């Protein structure tokens, strides 16, 4: 079993792992954001880009499910409601 929580998959880029934050309501999964070990969260929506730290709350554009990612705490597992 993987050490990553549901909706999280590592992907190496330039030697640094990047984690995909996904909603698994569809196949292939819907990408919500990506983040790295430095705690920076990268979000792309249409023609906009955001780079934030701390916590992010969003809704899946496909199923409407609410998701929360809080990197300001010790745990990096997303909270799915």
C-alpha atoms as a PDB file:
ATOM      1  CA  UNK A   1       0.000   0.000   0.000  1.00  0.00           C
ATOM      2  CA  UNK A   2       1.214   3.502  -0.813  1.00  0.00           C
ATOM      3  CA  UNK A   3       2.215   5.966   1.898  1.00  0.00           C
ATOM      4  CA  UNK A   4       0.144   8.674   0.169  1.00  0.00           C
ATOM      5  CA  UNK A   5      -3.464   9.331   1.140  1.00  0.00           C
ATOM      6  CA  UNK A   6      -6.321   8.944  -1.321  1.00  0.00           C
ATOM      7  CA  UNK A   7      -6.234  11.663  -3.941  1.00  0.00           C
ATOM      8  CA  UNK A   8      -2.488  12.202  -3.641  1.00  0.00           C
ATOM      9  CA  UNK A   9       0.157  10.860  -6.009  1.00  0.00           C
ATOM     10  CA  UNK A  10       3.863  11.775  -6.169  1.00  0.00           C
ATOM     11  CA  UNK A  11       5.456  12.863  -9.432  1.00  0.00           C
ATOM     12  CA  UNK A  12       9.190  13.685  -9.636  1.00  0.00           C
ATOM     13  CA  UNK A  13      10.121  16.948 -11.383  1.00  0.00           C
ATOM     14  CA  UNK A  14      13.771  18.007 -11.496  1.00  0.00           C
ATOM     15  CA  UNK A  15      14.526  15.620  -8.635  1.00  0.00           C
ATOM     16  CA  UNK A  16      11.969  17.203  -6.268  1.00  0.00           C
ATOM     17  CA  UNK A  17       8.704  15.281  -5.723  1.00  0.00           C
ATOM     18  CA  UNK A  18       5.494  17.074  -6.664  1.00  0.00           C
ATOM     19  CA  UNK A  19       2.227  15.727  -5.292  1.00  0.00           C
ATOM     20  CA  UNK A  20      -0.969  15.859  -7.346  1.00  0.00           C
ATOM     21  CA  UNK A  21      -4.047  16.756  -5.290  1.00  0.00           C
ATOM     22  CA  UNK A  22      -6.907  15.021  -7.083  1.00  0.00           C
ATOM     23  CA  UNK A  23     -10.597  14.234  -6.824  1.00  0.00           C
ATOM     24  CA  UNK A  24     -11.145  10.612  -7.805  1.00  0.00           C
ATOM     25  CA  UNK A  25     -14.767  11.042  -8.884  1.00  0.00           C
ATOM     26  CA  UNK A  26     -13.811  10.249 -12.497  1.00  0.00           C
ATOM     27  CA  UNK A  27     -11.243   8.290 -14.480  1.00  0.00           C
ATOM     28  CA  UNK A  28      -8.831   9.903 -15.084  1.00  0.00           C
ATOM     29  CA  UNK A  29      -8.935  11.806 -11.761  1.00  0.00           C
ATOM     30  CA  UNK A  30      -9.688  15.546 -11.736  1.00  0.00           C
ATOM     31  CA  UNK A  31      -6.593  17.586 -10.837  1.00  0.00           C
ATOM     32  CA  UNK A  32      -7.354  20.139  -8.105  1.00  0.00           C
ATOM     33  CA  UNK A  33      -3.790  21.404  -7.502  1.00  0.00           C
ATOM     34  CA  UNK A  34      -0.169  20.320  -7.065  1.00  0.00           C
ATOM     35  CA  UNK A  35       2.214  20.965  -4.185  1.00  0.00           C
ATOM     36  CA  UNK A  36       5.785  20.246  -3.195  1.00  0.00           C
ATOM     37  CA  UNK A  37       7.829  19.603  -0.092  1.00  0.00           C
ATOM     38  CA  UNK A  38       8.375  23.353   0.342  1.00  0.00           C
ATOM     39  CA  UNK A  39       4.646  23.747   1.153  1.00  0.00           C
ATOM     40  CA  UNK A  40       3.826  25.868  -1.901  1.00  0.00           C
ATOM     41  CA  UNK A  41       0.466  24.949  -3.484  1.00  0.00           C
ATOM     42  CA  UNK A  42       0.083  25.534  -7.239  1.00  0.00           C
ATOM     43  CA  UNK A  43      -3.439  26.022  -8.600  1.00  0.00           C
ATOM     44  CA  UNK A  44      -4.423  26.598 -12.235  1.00  0.00           C
ATOM     45  CA  UNK A  45      -7.981  27.491 -13.209  1.00  0.00           C
ATOM     46  CA  UNK A  46      -8.627  28.462 -16.818  1.00  0.00           C
ATOM     47  CA  UNK A  47      -6.122  31.245 -17.598  1.00  0.00           C
ATOM     48  CA  UNK A  48      -5.306  32.041 -13.938  1.00  0.00           C
ATOM     49  CA  UNK A  49      -2.478  30.735 -11.761  1.00  0.00           C
ATOM     50  CA  UNK A  50      -2.210  30.924  -7.973  1.00  0.00           C
ATOM     51  CA  UNK A  51       0.755  30.002  -5.779  1.00  0.00           C
ATOM     52  CA  UNK A  52      -0.294  29.905  -2.126  1.00  0.00           C
ATOM     53  CA  UNK A  53       0.883  28.605   1.244  1.00  0.00           C
ATOM     54  CA  UNK A  54      -1.192  27.307   4.132  1.00  0.00           C
ATOM     55  CA  UNK A  55      -4.619  25.857   3.457  1.00  0.00           C
ATOM     56  CA  UNK A  56      -6.889  25.686   0.423  1.00  0.00           C
ATOM     57  CA  UNK A  57     -10.551  24.739   0.207  1.00  0.00           C
ATOM     58  CA  UNK A  58     -12.157  23.981  -3.154  1.00  0.00           C
ATOM     59  CA  UNK A  59     -15.002  22.196  -4.891  1.00  0.00           C
ATOM     60  CA  UNK A  60     -14.454  19.629  -7.610  1.00  0.00           C
ATOM     61  CA  UNK A  61     -15.672  21.103 -10.913  1.00  0.00           C
ATOM     62  CA  UNK A  62     -17.026  17.681 -11.997  1.00  0.00           C
ATOM     63  CA  UNK A  63     -18.829  16.221  -8.967  1.00  0.00           C
ATOM     64  CA  UNK A  64     -19.169  19.258  -6.675  1.00  0.00           C
ATOM     65  CA  UNK A  65     -17.392  17.497  -3.798  1.00  0.00           C
ATOM     66  CA  UNK A  66     -15.757  19.775  -1.220  1.00  0.00           C
ATOM     67  CA  UNK A  67     -12.030  19.254  -0.590  1.00  0.00           C
ATOM     68  CA  UNK A  68      -9.634  20.885   1.882  1.00  0.00           C
ATOM     69  CA  UNK A  69      -5.836  20.770   1.874  1.00  0.00           C
ATOM     70  CA  UNK A  70      -4.018  22.185   4.903  1.00  0.00           C
ATOM     71  CA  UNK A  71      -0.222  22.237   4.632  1.00  0.00           C
ATOM     72  CA  UNK A  72       0.172  24.557   7.621  1.00  0.00           C
ATOM     73  CA  UNK A  73      -0.314  21.557   9.941  1.00  0.00           C
ATOM     74  CA  UNK A  74       1.988  18.558  10.378  1.00  0.00           C
ATOM     75  CA  UNK A  75      -0.356  16.272   8.433  1.00  0.00           C
ATOM     76  CA  UNK A  76      -0.448  16.710   4.632  1.00  0.00           C
ATOM     77  CA  UNK A  77      -3.399  14.374   4.047  1.00  0.00           C
ATOM     78  CA  UNK A  78      -6.338  16.113   2.361  1.00  0.00           C
ATOM     79  CA  UNK A  79      -9.679  16.287   4.141  1.00  0.00           C
ATOM     80  CA  UNK A  80     -12.533  15.214   1.883  1.00  0.00           C
ATOM     81  CA  UNK A  81     -16.059  16.038   2.956  1.00  0.00           C
END
